[in-house]
């Protein structure tokens, strides 16, 4: 259904209150807060990468309290089994002494699920999340059950402890709408954390929205207007990440004949260090996140700033650096920034 500008403004005001309420408990980490909200509004999932103790668990728990959503935390370990996530059928005896199988739901059936240190579980267990994330259903013993709505998975991984882990395959990484990086807090933020956590005063979180309002906000995100020019710009960005693959696949004669290819330093660097670029899901993520950002900002149309802002979180986990790039410590975010500088609005890279 179409929404009026007044309804967009009202929803934007509610979302602003949500951010303020989260800020009462979570110090700093503005990008993590913003993109977690964008992911929820865009009906997607997020991958959070940061060092221990930076508040990943408290962030998602606080968001669930403010949005009045059920929350569950799954600690991924090497001995975790798929049934520990999805649930299983067990044999029960009723009051009459009859035995029957009853399904006991696992923690995946919450509205907000924190998959803590997802790369510590085996691939078999990691894959138990995929159906729920992609299809919003869980199939156990041949019976398919629908997930709650809204349904949001925030998976975390530790970038410094890689021994004994099972890194997510690129195909599974692609299922996440965005990848959020948590930086160290600043000195002022560290001081504020100490003041809030070691004193006698306790912070009380107020519920700002409910399930029905969140679902309505997700529908409003779909109605946000995006011009063809904005779509073309996002398409050019994603197409530019294919330069390395195109360069390898093309014959020397074809490369010589392609006079329209961008010969800038950024393109050369991309060809040198990138093995694979983003697929169609990367483009979908940019558009969905940009629409969510527009709604949060109180607009019902997508701007060029929306697309540029969401490009790094939407693409950084979809770009595979080759061995040479890893050896030289190439930063994916740096490549994306250069790409944003090279790809101009209204001008194709090809």
C-alpha atoms as a PDB file:
ATOM      1  CA  UNK A   1       0.000   0.000   0.000  1.00  0.00           C
ATOM      2  CA  UNK A   2       1.233   3.543  -0.697  1.00  0.00           C
ATOM      3  CA  UNK A   3       2.293   5.620   2.287  1.00  0.00           C
ATOM      4  CA  UNK A   4       1.934   9.370   2.711  1.00  0.00           C
ATOM      5  CA  UNK A   5       4.835  11.751   3.473  1.00  0.00           C
ATOM      6  CA  UNK A   6       3.336  12.251   6.931  1.00  0.00           C
ATOM      7  CA  UNK A   7       3.564   8.514   7.623  1.00  0.00           C
ATOM      8  CA  UNK A   8       7.209   8.495   6.523  1.00  0.00           C
ATOM      9  CA  UNK A   9       7.965  11.407   8.845  1.00  0.00           C
ATOM     10  CA  UNK A  10       6.180   9.731  11.740  1.00  0.00           C
ATOM     11  CA  UNK A  11       8.110   6.483  11.239  1.00  0.00           C
ATOM     12  CA  UNK A  12      11.378   8.383  10.915  1.00  0.00           C
ATOM     13  CA  UNK A  13      10.630  10.045  14.252  1.00  0.00           C
ATOM     14  CA  UNK A  14      10.067   6.662  15.908  1.00  0.00           C
ATOM     15  CA  UNK A  15      13.337   5.338  14.496  1.00  0.00           C
ATOM     16  CA  UNK A  16      15.161   8.424  15.772  1.00  0.00           C
ATOM     17  CA  UNK A  17      13.783   7.661  19.235  1.00  0.00           C
ATOM     18  CA  UNK A  18      14.999   4.060  18.845  1.00  0.00           C
ATOM     19  CA  UNK A  19      18.528   5.284  18.161  1.00  0.00           C
ATOM     20  CA  UNK A  20      18.416   7.649  21.113  1.00  0.00           C
ATOM     21  CA  UNK A  21      17.261   4.867  23.420  1.00  0.00           C
ATOM     22  CA  UNK A  22      20.018   2.542  22.213  1.00  0.00           C
ATOM     23  CA  UNK A  23      22.533   5.348  22.762  1.00  0.00           C
ATOM     24  CA  UNK A  24      21.581   5.478  26.451  1.00  0.00           C
ATOM     25  CA  UNK A  25      23.197   2.069  26.939  1.00  0.00           C
ATOM     26  CA  UNK A  26      25.616   1.580  24.033  1.00  0.00           C
ATOM     27  CA  UNK A  27      28.540   4.011  23.996  1.00  0.00           C
ATOM     28  CA  UNK A  28      29.801   4.942  20.518  1.00  0.00           C
ATOM     29  CA  UNK A  29      29.762   2.244  17.813  1.00  0.00           C
ATOM     30  CA  UNK A  30      27.535   4.450  15.696  1.00  0.00           C
ATOM     31  CA  UNK A  31      28.103   2.525  12.461  1.00  0.00           C
ATOM     32  CA  UNK A  32      27.244  -0.778  14.140  1.00  0.00           C
ATOM     33  CA  UNK A  33      24.028   0.673  15.584  1.00  0.00           C
ATOM     34  CA  UNK A  34      23.025   2.327  12.314  1.00  0.00           C
ATOM     35  CA  UNK A  35      23.661  -0.651  10.050  1.00  0.00           C
ATOM     36  CA  UNK A  36      22.108  -3.126  12.469  1.00  0.00           C
ATOM     37  CA  UNK A  37      18.938  -1.034  12.250  1.00  0.00           C
ATOM     38  CA  UNK A  38      19.245  -0.713   8.468  1.00  0.00           C
ATOM     39  CA  UNK A  39      19.553  -4.505   8.194  1.00  0.00           C
ATOM     40  CA  UNK A  40      16.447  -5.061  10.317  1.00  0.00           C
ATOM     41  CA  UNK A  41      14.451  -2.519   8.299  1.00  0.00           C
ATOM     42  CA  UNK A  42      15.675  -4.062   5.040  1.00  0.00           C
ATOM     43  CA  UNK A  43      14.632  -7.521   6.300  1.00  0.00           C
ATOM     44  CA  UNK A  44      18.184  -8.854   6.077  1.00  0.00           C
ATOM     45  CA  UNK A  45      20.987 -10.151   8.285  1.00  0.00           C
ATOM     46  CA  UNK A  46      24.330  -8.722   9.362  1.00  0.00           C
ATOM     47  CA  UNK A  47      27.823 -10.062  10.004  1.00  0.00           C
ATOM     48  CA  UNK A  48      29.651  -8.265  12.816  1.00  0.00           C
ATOM     49  CA  UNK A  49      33.426  -8.436  13.113  1.00  0.00           C
ATOM     50  CA  UNK A  50      35.262  -7.049  16.119  1.00  0.00           C
ATOM     51  CA  UNK A  51      37.596  -7.821  18.975  1.00  0.00           C
ATOM     52  CA  UNK A  52      36.304  -9.347  22.228  1.00  0.00           C
ATOM     53  CA  UNK A  53      34.694  -6.972  24.701  1.00  0.00           C
ATOM     54  CA  UNK A  54      33.536  -4.303  22.251  1.00  0.00           C
ATOM     55  CA  UNK A  55      29.868  -4.834  23.067  1.00  0.00           C
ATOM     56  CA  UNK A  56      28.630  -7.029  20.237  1.00  0.00           C
ATOM     57  CA  UNK A  57      26.315  -9.066  22.453  1.00  0.00           C
ATOM     58  CA  UNK A  58      25.061  -6.053  24.401  1.00  0.00           C
ATOM     59  CA  UNK A  59      24.366  -4.182  21.178  1.00  0.00           C
ATOM     60  CA  UNK A  60      21.997  -6.763  19.750  1.00  0.00           C
ATOM     61  CA  UNK A  61      20.420  -7.450  23.162  1.00  0.00           C
ATOM     62  CA  UNK A  62      19.754  -3.716  23.625  1.00  0.00           C
ATOM     63  CA  UNK A  63      18.221  -3.416  20.140  1.00  0.00           C
ATOM     64  CA  UNK A  64      15.934  -6.370  20.875  1.00  0.00           C
ATOM     65  CA  UNK A  65      14.762  -4.729  24.121  1.00  0.00           C
ATOM     66  CA  UNK A  66      14.112  -1.357  22.493  1.00  0.00           C
ATOM     67  CA  UNK A  67      12.183  -3.019  19.655  1.00  0.00           C
ATOM     68  CA  UNK A  68      10.407  -5.425  22.031  1.00  0.00           C
ATOM     69  CA  UNK A  69      11.560  -8.525  20.132  1.00  0.00           C
ATOM     70  CA  UNK A  70      12.361 -11.986  21.473  1.00  0.00           C
ATOM     71  CA  UNK A  71      16.109 -12.589  21.702  1.00  0.00           C
ATOM     72  CA  UNK A  72      18.322 -15.664  21.810  1.00  0.00           C
ATOM     73  CA  UNK A  73      22.075 -16.115  21.822  1.00  0.00           C
ATOM     74  CA  UNK A  74      23.791 -19.139  20.312  1.00  0.00           C
ATOM     75  CA  UNK A  75      27.421 -19.672  21.320  1.00  0.00           C
ATOM     76  CA  UNK A  76      29.022 -21.491  18.395  1.00  0.00           C
ATOM     77  CA  UNK A  77      31.554 -24.143  19.407  1.00  0.00           C
ATOM     78  CA  UNK A  78      33.143 -27.049  17.496  1.00  0.00           C
ATOM     79  CA  UNK A  79      30.837 -29.578  19.188  1.00  0.00           C
ATOM     80  CA  UNK A  80      27.624 -27.667  18.427  1.00  0.00           C
ATOM     81  CA  UNK A  81      25.199 -29.714  16.328  1.00  0.00           C
ATOM     82  CA  UNK A  82      22.521 -28.484  13.879  1.00  0.00           C
ATOM     83  CA  UNK A  83      19.763 -29.792  16.157  1.00  0.00           C
ATOM     84  CA  UNK A  84      21.088 -27.550  18.929  1.00  0.00           C
ATOM     85  CA  UNK A  85      20.116 -24.605  16.706  1.00  0.00           C
ATOM     86  CA  UNK A  86      16.962 -25.732  14.939  1.00  0.00           C
ATOM     87  CA  UNK A  87      15.493 -27.969  17.619  1.00  0.00           C
ATOM     88  CA  UNK A  88      14.408 -31.591  17.352  1.00  0.00           C
ATOM     89  CA  UNK A  89      11.565 -34.009  18.041  1.00  0.00           C
ATOM     90  CA  UNK A  90      11.664 -35.898  21.312  1.00  0.00           C
ATOM     91  CA  UNK A  91       9.531 -38.749  22.671  1.00  0.00           C
ATOM     92  CA  UNK A  92       7.111 -37.622  25.373  1.00  0.00           C
ATOM     93  CA  UNK A  93       4.556 -39.440  27.513  1.00  0.00           C
ATOM     94  CA  UNK A  94       1.182 -37.765  28.047  1.00  0.00           C
ATOM     95  CA  UNK A  95      -1.098 -37.988  31.069  1.00  0.00           C
ATOM     96  CA  UNK A  96      -2.753 -41.127  29.706  1.00  0.00           C
ATOM     97  CA  UNK A  97       0.565 -42.925  29.387  1.00  0.00           C
ATOM     98  CA  UNK A  98       0.653 -42.671  25.593  1.00  0.00           C
ATOM     99  CA  UNK A  99       3.924 -41.788  23.906  1.00  0.00           C
ATOM    100  CA  UNK A 100       4.229 -39.314  21.045  1.00  0.00           C
ATOM    101  CA  UNK A 101       6.858 -37.209  19.351  1.00  0.00           C
ATOM    102  CA  UNK A 102       6.817 -33.503  20.224  1.00  0.00           C
ATOM    103  CA  UNK A 103       8.946 -30.867  18.535  1.00  0.00           C
ATOM    104  CA  UNK A 104      11.061 -28.717  20.841  1.00  0.00           C
ATOM    105  CA  UNK A 105      12.009 -25.460  19.145  1.00  0.00           C
ATOM    106  CA  UNK A 106      15.623 -24.413  19.135  1.00  0.00           C
ATOM    107  CA  UNK A 107      16.972 -20.887  19.708  1.00  0.00           C
ATOM    108  CA  UNK A 108      16.726 -20.092  15.985  1.00  0.00           C
ATOM    109  CA  UNK A 109      12.980 -19.519  16.448  1.00  0.00           C
ATOM    110  CA  UNK A 110      13.504 -16.186  18.205  1.00  0.00           C
ATOM    111  CA  UNK A 111      12.939 -12.916  16.365  1.00  0.00           C
ATOM    112  CA  UNK A 112      16.511 -11.731  16.938  1.00  0.00           C
ATOM    113  CA  UNK A 113      19.278 -14.323  17.003  1.00  0.00           C
ATOM    114  CA  UNK A 114      22.883 -13.663  17.943  1.00  0.00           C
ATOM    115  CA  UNK A 115      25.162 -16.276  16.355  1.00  0.00           C
ATOM    116  CA  UNK A 116      28.232 -15.631  18.491  1.00  0.00           C
ATOM    117  CA  UNK A 117      31.604 -16.576  16.938  1.00  0.00           C
ATOM    118  CA  UNK A 118      29.956 -18.345  14.036  1.00  0.00           C
ATOM    119  CA  UNK A 119      33.321 -19.373  12.568  1.00  0.00           C
ATOM    120  CA  UNK A 120      34.021 -21.667  15.560  1.00  0.00           C
ATOM    121  CA  UNK A 121      31.387 -24.221  14.529  1.00  0.00           C
ATOM    122  CA  UNK A 122      31.768 -26.822  11.803  1.00  0.00           C
ATOM    123  CA  UNK A 123      30.418 -26.115   8.294  1.00  0.00           C
ATOM    124  CA  UNK A 124      27.576 -28.591   8.900  1.00  0.00           C
ATOM    125  CA  UNK A 125      26.386 -26.536  11.872  1.00  0.00           C
ATOM    126  CA  UNK A 126      26.966 -23.217  10.116  1.00  0.00           C
ATOM    127  CA  UNK A 127      24.735 -24.368   7.278  1.00  0.00           C
ATOM    128  CA  UNK A 128      21.859 -24.910   9.738  1.00  0.00           C
ATOM    129  CA  UNK A 129      21.392 -21.144   9.661  1.00  0.00           C
ATOM    130  CA  UNK A 130      21.234 -20.841   5.884  1.00  0.00           C
ATOM    131  CA  UNK A 131      17.666 -22.032   5.296  1.00  0.00           C
ATOM    132  CA  UNK A 132      16.359 -19.830   8.109  1.00  0.00           C
ATOM    133  CA  UNK A 133      18.283 -16.803   6.800  1.00  0.00           C
ATOM    134  CA  UNK A 134      17.375 -17.272   3.150  1.00  0.00           C
ATOM    135  CA  UNK A 135      13.925 -18.856   3.134  1.00  0.00           C
ATOM    136  CA  UNK A 136      12.672 -17.817   6.605  1.00  0.00           C
ATOM    137  CA  UNK A 137      11.816 -21.472   7.253  1.00  0.00           C
ATOM    138  CA  UNK A 138      13.368 -24.399   9.133  1.00  0.00           C
ATOM    139  CA  UNK A 139      12.970 -28.005   7.996  1.00  0.00           C
ATOM    140  CA  UNK A 140      13.390 -30.704  10.661  1.00  0.00           C
ATOM    141  CA  UNK A 141      12.651 -34.379   9.944  1.00  0.00           C
ATOM    142  CA  UNK A 142      10.870 -33.454   6.744  1.00  0.00           C
ATOM    143  CA  UNK A 143       8.525 -30.903   8.323  1.00  0.00           C
ATOM    144  CA  UNK A 144       8.934 -27.235   7.399  1.00  0.00           C
ATOM    145  CA  UNK A 145       8.183 -24.550   9.967  1.00  0.00           C
ATOM    146  CA  UNK A 146       8.025 -20.813   9.360  1.00  0.00           C
ATOM    147  CA  UNK A 147      10.171 -18.353  11.268  1.00  0.00           C
ATOM    148  CA  UNK A 148       8.825 -15.499  13.342  1.00  0.00           C
ATOM    149  CA  UNK A 149       8.487 -12.091  11.720  1.00  0.00           C
ATOM    150  CA  UNK A 150      10.562 -10.010  11.844  1.00  0.00           C
ATOM    151  CA  UNK A 151      13.529 -12.398  11.878  1.00  0.00           C
ATOM    152  CA  UNK A 152      17.076 -11.100  12.130  1.00  0.00           C
ATOM    153  CA  UNK A 153      20.406 -12.918  12.514  1.00  0.00           C
ATOM    154  CA  UNK A 154      23.480 -11.063  13.706  1.00  0.00           C
ATOM    155  CA  UNK A 155      26.537 -13.287  13.393  1.00  0.00           C
ATOM    156  CA  UNK A 156      29.837 -12.300  14.991  1.00  0.00           C
ATOM    157  CA  UNK A 157      33.375 -13.442  14.356  1.00  0.00           C
ATOM    158  CA  UNK A 158      36.680 -12.633  16.009  1.00  0.00           C
ATOM    159  CA  UNK A 159      39.314 -11.412  13.501  1.00  0.00           C
ATOM    160  CA  UNK A 160      42.351 -12.257  15.671  1.00  0.00           C
ATOM    161  CA  UNK A 161      41.626 -15.821  16.833  1.00  0.00           C
ATOM    162  CA  UNK A 162      41.696 -17.840  13.625  1.00  0.00           C
ATOM    163  CA  UNK A 163      43.292 -21.044  14.972  1.00  0.00           C
ATOM    164  CA  UNK A 164      40.796 -23.868  15.181  1.00  0.00           C
ATOM    165  CA  UNK A 165      38.106 -21.969  13.309  1.00  0.00           C
ATOM    166  CA  UNK A 166      36.080 -22.743  10.209  1.00  0.00           C
ATOM    167  CA  UNK A 167      35.970 -19.585   8.059  1.00  0.00           C
ATOM    168  CA  UNK A 168      32.654 -18.991   6.337  1.00  0.00           C
ATOM    169  CA  UNK A 169      32.706 -19.873   2.619  1.00  0.00           C
ATOM    170  CA  UNK A 170      32.138 -16.996   0.214  1.00  0.00           C
ATOM    171  CA  UNK A 171      28.696 -18.363  -0.717  1.00  0.00           C
ATOM    172  CA  UNK A 172      27.611 -18.221   2.934  1.00  0.00           C
ATOM    173  CA  UNK A 173      29.155 -14.778   3.478  1.00  0.00           C
ATOM    174  CA  UNK A 174      27.068 -13.591   0.532  1.00  0.00           C
ATOM    175  CA  UNK A 175      23.882 -14.378   2.475  1.00  0.00           C
ATOM    176  CA  UNK A 176      24.565 -11.493   4.855  1.00  0.00           C
ATOM    177  CA  UNK A 177      23.167  -8.129   3.828  1.00  0.00           C
ATOM    178  CA  UNK A 178      26.195  -6.290   5.214  1.00  0.00           C
ATOM    179  CA  UNK A 179      29.397  -6.750   7.181  1.00  0.00           C
ATOM    180  CA  UNK A 180      29.924  -4.338  10.071  1.00  0.00           C
ATOM    181  CA  UNK A 181      33.365  -3.615  11.522  1.00  0.00           C
ATOM    182  CA  UNK A 182      33.584  -2.593  15.190  1.00  0.00           C
ATOM    183  CA  UNK A 183      36.533  -0.245  15.871  1.00  0.00           C
ATOM    184  CA  UNK A 184      38.235   0.426  19.199  1.00  0.00           C
ATOM    185  CA  UNK A 185      36.416   3.031  21.309  1.00  0.00           C
ATOM    186  CA  UNK A 186      38.016   6.466  21.656  1.00  0.00           C
ATOM    187  CA  UNK A 187      39.407   7.792  24.952  1.00  0.00           C
ATOM    188  CA  UNK A 188      36.236   9.740  25.687  1.00  0.00           C
ATOM    189  CA  UNK A 189      34.112   6.684  24.880  1.00  0.00           C
ATOM    190  CA  UNK A 190      36.254   4.488  27.136  1.00  0.00           C
ATOM    191  CA  UNK A 191      35.727   6.936  29.984  1.00  0.00           C
ATOM    192  CA  UNK A 192      31.985   7.005  29.361  1.00  0.00           C
ATOM    193  CA  UNK A 193      31.875   3.183  29.357  1.00  0.00           C
ATOM    194  CA  UNK A 194      33.545   3.115  32.769  1.00  0.00           C
ATOM    195  CA  UNK A 195      31.159   5.737  34.146  1.00  0.00           C
ATOM    196  CA  UNK A 196      28.133   3.748  32.998  1.00  0.00           C
ATOM    197  CA  UNK A 197      29.270   0.262  33.951  1.00  0.00           C
ATOM    198  CA  UNK A 198      31.102   0.674  37.264  1.00  0.00           C
ATOM    199  CA  UNK A 199      28.794   3.139  39.036  1.00  0.00           C
ATOM    200  CA  UNK A 200      25.700   2.534  41.098  1.00  0.00           C
ATOM    201  CA  UNK A 201      23.296   4.015  38.551  1.00  0.00           C
ATOM    202  CA  UNK A 202      21.582   1.531  36.244  1.00  0.00           C
ATOM    203  CA  UNK A 203      20.238   2.386  32.817  1.00  0.00           C
ATOM    204  CA  UNK A 204      16.664   1.356  32.095  1.00  0.00           C
ATOM    205  CA  UNK A 205      15.793   0.653  28.486  1.00  0.00           C
ATOM    206  CA  UNK A 206      12.365   1.751  27.274  1.00  0.00           C
ATOM    207  CA  UNK A 207      10.473  -0.152  24.585  1.00  0.00           C
ATOM    208  CA  UNK A 208       9.904   2.196  21.643  1.00  0.00           C
ATOM    209  CA  UNK A 209       8.424  -0.011  18.891  1.00  0.00           C
ATOM    210  CA  UNK A 210       6.641  -3.339  18.682  1.00  0.00           C
ATOM    211  CA  UNK A 211       6.482  -6.159  16.160  1.00  0.00           C
ATOM    212  CA  UNK A 212       3.628  -4.665  14.132  1.00  0.00           C
ATOM    213  CA  UNK A 213       5.400  -1.307  13.810  1.00  0.00           C
ATOM    214  CA  UNK A 214       8.659  -2.961  12.720  1.00  0.00           C
ATOM    215  CA  UNK A 215       6.861  -4.982  10.042  1.00  0.00           C
ATOM    216  CA  UNK A 216       5.180  -1.777   8.885  1.00  0.00           C
ATOM    217  CA  UNK A 217       8.576  -0.044   8.736  1.00  0.00           C
ATOM    218  CA  UNK A 218       9.908  -2.914   6.598  1.00  0.00           C
ATOM    219  CA  UNK A 219       7.006  -2.433   4.200  1.00  0.00           C
ATOM    220  CA  UNK A 220       7.671   1.317   4.090  1.00  0.00           C
ATOM    221  CA  UNK A 221      11.298   0.668   3.147  1.00  0.00           C
ATOM    222  CA  UNK A 222      10.084  -1.212   0.075  1.00  0.00           C
ATOM    223  CA  UNK A 223       8.005   1.830  -0.902  1.00  0.00           C
ATOM    224  CA  UNK A 224      10.948   4.254  -0.755  1.00  0.00           C
ATOM    225  CA  UNK A 225      11.432   5.739  -4.232  1.00  0.00           C
ATOM    226  CA  UNK A 226      14.690   5.212  -6.098  1.00  0.00           C
ATOM    227  CA  UNK A 227      15.356   6.920  -9.420  1.00  0.00           C
ATOM    228  CA  UNK A 228      16.752   5.065 -12.436  1.00  0.00           C
ATOM    229  CA  UNK A 229      19.852   7.242 -12.210  1.00  0.00           C
ATOM    230  CA  UNK A 230      20.517   5.991  -8.677  1.00  0.00           C
ATOM    231  CA  UNK A 231      20.021   2.388  -9.767  1.00  0.00           C
ATOM    232  CA  UNK A 232      22.421   2.892 -12.689  1.00  0.00           C
ATOM    233  CA  UNK A 233      25.037   4.311 -10.318  1.00  0.00           C
ATOM    234  CA  UNK A 234      24.731   1.284  -8.004  1.00  0.00           C
ATOM    235  CA  UNK A 235      24.929  -1.034 -11.028  1.00  0.00           C
ATOM    236  CA  UNK A 236      28.123   0.722 -12.167  1.00  0.00           C
ATOM    237  CA  UNK A 237      29.667   0.257  -8.727  1.00  0.00           C
ATOM    238  CA  UNK A 238      28.958  -3.469  -8.656  1.00  0.00           C
ATOM    239  CA  UNK A 239      29.990  -3.910 -12.307  1.00  0.00           C
ATOM    240  CA  UNK A 240      33.302  -2.186 -11.532  1.00  0.00           C
ATOM    241  CA  UNK A 241      34.112  -4.930  -9.006  1.00  0.00           C
ATOM    242  CA  UNK A 242      34.110  -7.416 -11.905  1.00  0.00           C
ATOM    243  CA  UNK A 243      37.123  -5.796 -13.596  1.00  0.00           C
ATOM    244  CA  UNK A 244      39.576  -8.374 -12.273  1.00  0.00           C
ATOM    245  CA  UNK A 245      37.465 -11.339 -13.422  1.00  0.00           C
ATOM    246  CA  UNK A 246      36.779  -9.743 -16.801  1.00  0.00           C
ATOM    247  CA  UNK A 247      40.466  -8.985 -17.297  1.00  0.00           C
ATOM    248  CA  UNK A 248      41.498 -12.578 -16.607  1.00  0.00           C
ATOM    249  CA  UNK A 249      38.716 -14.102 -18.701  1.00  0.00           C
ATOM    250  CA  UNK A 250      39.240 -11.885 -21.736  1.00  0.00           C
ATOM    251  CA  UNK A 251      41.782 -12.678 -24.437  1.00  0.00           C
ATOM    252  CA  UNK A 252      44.655 -10.198 -25.030  1.00  0.00           C
ATOM    253  CA  UNK A 253      43.085  -9.204 -28.336  1.00  0.00           C
ATOM    254  CA  UNK A 254      39.752  -8.484 -26.656  1.00  0.00           C
ATOM    255  CA  UNK A 255      41.427  -6.409 -23.963  1.00  0.00           C
ATOM    256  CA  UNK A 256      43.299  -4.366 -26.601  1.00  0.00           C
ATOM    257  CA  UNK A 257      40.081  -3.774 -28.510  1.00  0.00           C
ATOM    258  CA  UNK A 258      38.184  -2.628 -25.385  1.00  0.00           C
ATOM    259  CA  UNK A 259      39.082   1.048 -25.568  1.00  0.00           C
ATOM    260  CA  UNK A 260      36.222   2.059 -23.276  1.00  0.00           C
ATOM    261  CA  UNK A 261      37.613   0.283 -20.187  1.00  0.00           C
ATOM    262  CA  UNK A 262      38.678   2.543 -17.339  1.00  0.00           C
ATOM    263  CA  UNK A 263      42.501   2.706 -17.356  1.00  0.00           C
ATOM    264  CA  UNK A 264      42.837   4.530 -14.035  1.00  0.00           C
ATOM    265  CA  UNK A 265      45.167   3.493 -11.250  1.00  0.00           C
ATOM    266  CA  UNK A 266      42.233   2.258  -9.193  1.00  0.00           C
ATOM    267  CA  UNK A 267      41.200  -0.124 -11.977  1.00  0.00           C
ATOM    268  CA  UNK A 268      44.777  -1.400 -12.307  1.00  0.00           C
ATOM    269  CA  UNK A 269      44.997  -1.946  -8.563  1.00  0.00           C
ATOM    270  CA  UNK A 270      41.662  -3.748  -8.620  1.00  0.00           C
ATOM    271  CA  UNK A 271      42.831  -6.055 -11.405  1.00  0.00           C
ATOM    272  CA  UNK A 272      46.073  -6.766  -9.551  1.00  0.00           C
ATOM    273  CA  UNK A 273      44.673  -7.624  -6.138  1.00  0.00           C
ATOM    274  CA  UNK A 274      41.042  -8.778  -6.545  1.00  0.00           C
ATOM    275  CA  UNK A 275      40.168 -12.332  -7.508  1.00  0.00           C
ATOM    276  CA  UNK A 276      36.373 -12.079  -7.490  1.00  0.00           C
ATOM    277  CA  UNK A 277      33.946  -9.177  -7.271  1.00  0.00           C
ATOM    278  CA  UNK A 278      30.395  -8.830  -6.030  1.00  0.00           C
ATOM    279  CA  UNK A 279      27.442 -10.720  -7.440  1.00  0.00           C
ATOM    280  CA  UNK A 280      23.798  -9.625  -7.807  1.00  0.00           C
ATOM    281  CA  UNK A 281      23.192  -9.927  -4.047  1.00  0.00           C
ATOM    282  CA  UNK A 282      25.689  -7.111  -3.547  1.00  0.00           C
ATOM    283  CA  UNK A 283      23.581  -4.843  -5.749  1.00  0.00           C
ATOM    284  CA  UNK A 284      20.413  -5.895  -3.948  1.00  0.00           C
ATOM    285  CA  UNK A 285      22.058  -5.145  -0.607  1.00  0.00           C
ATOM    286  CA  UNK A 286      23.142  -1.667  -1.688  1.00  0.00           C
ATOM    287  CA  UNK A 287      19.626  -0.774  -2.824  1.00  0.00           C
ATOM    288  CA  UNK A 288      17.890  -2.234   0.235  1.00  0.00           C
ATOM    289  CA  UNK A 289      20.300  -0.613   2.699  1.00  0.00           C
ATOM    290  CA  UNK A 290      20.101   2.718   0.855  1.00  0.00           C
ATOM    291  CA  UNK A 291      16.305   2.640   1.072  1.00  0.00           C
ATOM    292  CA  UNK A 292      16.471   1.860   4.787  1.00  0.00           C
ATOM    293  CA  UNK A 293      18.896   4.736   5.355  1.00  0.00           C
ATOM    294  CA  UNK A 294      16.592   7.088   3.475  1.00  0.00           C
ATOM    295  CA  UNK A 295      13.656   6.123   5.696  1.00  0.00           C
ATOM    296  CA  UNK A 296      15.696   6.574   8.872  1.00  0.00           C
ATOM    297  CA  UNK A 297      16.788   9.989   7.571  1.00  0.00           C
ATOM    298  CA  UNK A 298      13.170  11.029   7.072  1.00  0.00           C
ATOM    299  CA  UNK A 299      13.155  10.860   3.272  1.00  0.00           C
ATOM    300  CA  UNK A 300      11.053   8.778   0.913  1.00  0.00           C
ATOM    301  CA  UNK A 301      13.600   8.816  -1.917  1.00  0.00           C
ATOM    302  CA  UNK A 302      17.158   7.461  -2.194  1.00  0.00           C
ATOM    303  CA  UNK A 303      20.016   9.935  -2.615  1.00  0.00           C
ATOM    304  CA  UNK A 304      23.541   9.465  -3.948  1.00  0.00           C
ATOM    305  CA  UNK A 305      24.829   9.884  -0.380  1.00  0.00           C
ATOM    306  CA  UNK A 306      22.743   6.873   0.714  1.00  0.00           C
ATOM    307  CA  UNK A 307      24.374   4.638  -1.882  1.00  0.00           C
ATOM    308  CA  UNK A 308      27.903   5.863  -1.117  1.00  0.00           C
ATOM    309  CA  UNK A 309      27.402   5.411   2.621  1.00  0.00           C
ATOM    310  CA  UNK A 310      26.176   1.812   2.397  1.00  0.00           C
ATOM    311  CA  UNK A 311      28.650   0.686  -0.295  1.00  0.00           C
ATOM    312  CA  UNK A 312      31.439  -0.423   2.052  1.00  0.00           C
ATOM    313  CA  UNK A 313      29.332  -2.535   4.454  1.00  0.00           C
ATOM    314  CA  UNK A 314      27.412  -4.037   1.521  1.00  0.00           C
ATOM    315  CA  UNK A 315      30.468  -4.969  -0.570  1.00  0.00           C
ATOM    316  CA  UNK A 316      33.419  -5.577   1.779  1.00  0.00           C
ATOM    317  CA  UNK A 317      32.555  -9.250   2.430  1.00  0.00           C
ATOM    318  CA  UNK A 318      31.686  -9.937  -1.207  1.00  0.00           C
ATOM    319  CA  UNK A 319      35.093  -9.017  -2.641  1.00  0.00           C
ATOM    320  CA  UNK A 320      37.706 -11.754  -2.564  1.00  0.00           C
ATOM    321  CA  UNK A 321      41.324 -10.603  -2.379  1.00  0.00           C
ATOM    322  CA  UNK A 322      43.861 -12.838  -4.160  1.00  0.00           C
ATOM    323  CA  UNK A 323      47.071 -14.200  -2.654  1.00  0.00           C
ATOM    324  CA  UNK A 324      49.121 -11.235  -3.811  1.00  0.00           C
ATOM    325  CA  UNK A 325      46.708  -8.812  -2.192  1.00  0.00           C
ATOM    326  CA  UNK A 326      46.712 -10.758   1.076  1.00  0.00           C
ATOM    327  CA  UNK A 327      50.520 -10.870   1.089  1.00  0.00           C
ATOM    328  CA  UNK A 328      50.693  -7.097   0.661  1.00  0.00           C
ATOM    329  CA  UNK A 329      47.992  -6.457   3.238  1.00  0.00           C
ATOM    330  CA  UNK A 330      45.561  -4.814   0.827  1.00  0.00           C
ATOM    331  CA  UNK A 331      42.560  -3.258   2.608  1.00  0.00           C
ATOM    332  CA  UNK A 332      39.216  -4.028   0.945  1.00  0.00           C
ATOM    333  CA  UNK A 333      37.663  -0.854   2.341  1.00  0.00           C
ATOM    334  CA  UNK A 334      40.458   1.179   0.751  1.00  0.00           C
ATOM    335  CA  UNK A 335      39.738  -0.389  -2.632  1.00  0.00           C
ATOM    336  CA  UNK A 336      36.029   0.376  -2.299  1.00  0.00           C
ATOM    337  CA  UNK A 337      36.785   4.003  -1.381  1.00  0.00           C
ATOM    338  CA  UNK A 338      38.924   4.356  -4.507  1.00  0.00           C
ATOM    339  CA  UNK A 339      36.150   2.719  -6.507  1.00  0.00           C
ATOM    340  CA  UNK A 340      33.662   5.285  -5.216  1.00  0.00           C
ATOM    341  CA  UNK A 341      36.035   8.033  -6.310  1.00  0.00           C
ATOM    342  CA  UNK A 342      36.481   6.571  -9.792  1.00  0.00           C
ATOM    343  CA  UNK A 343      32.890   5.630 -10.598  1.00  0.00           C
ATOM    344  CA  UNK A 344      31.004   8.845 -11.210  1.00  0.00           C
ATOM    345  CA  UNK A 345      27.275   9.309 -11.030  1.00  0.00           C
ATOM    346  CA  UNK A 346      25.759   9.079 -14.490  1.00  0.00           C
ATOM    347  CA  UNK A 347      28.972   7.742 -16.087  1.00  0.00           C
ATOM    348  CA  UNK A 348      29.464   4.044 -16.704  1.00  0.00           C
ATOM    349  CA  UNK A 349      32.868   2.458 -16.060  1.00  0.00           C
ATOM    350  CA  UNK A 350      32.630   0.193 -19.060  1.00  0.00           C
END
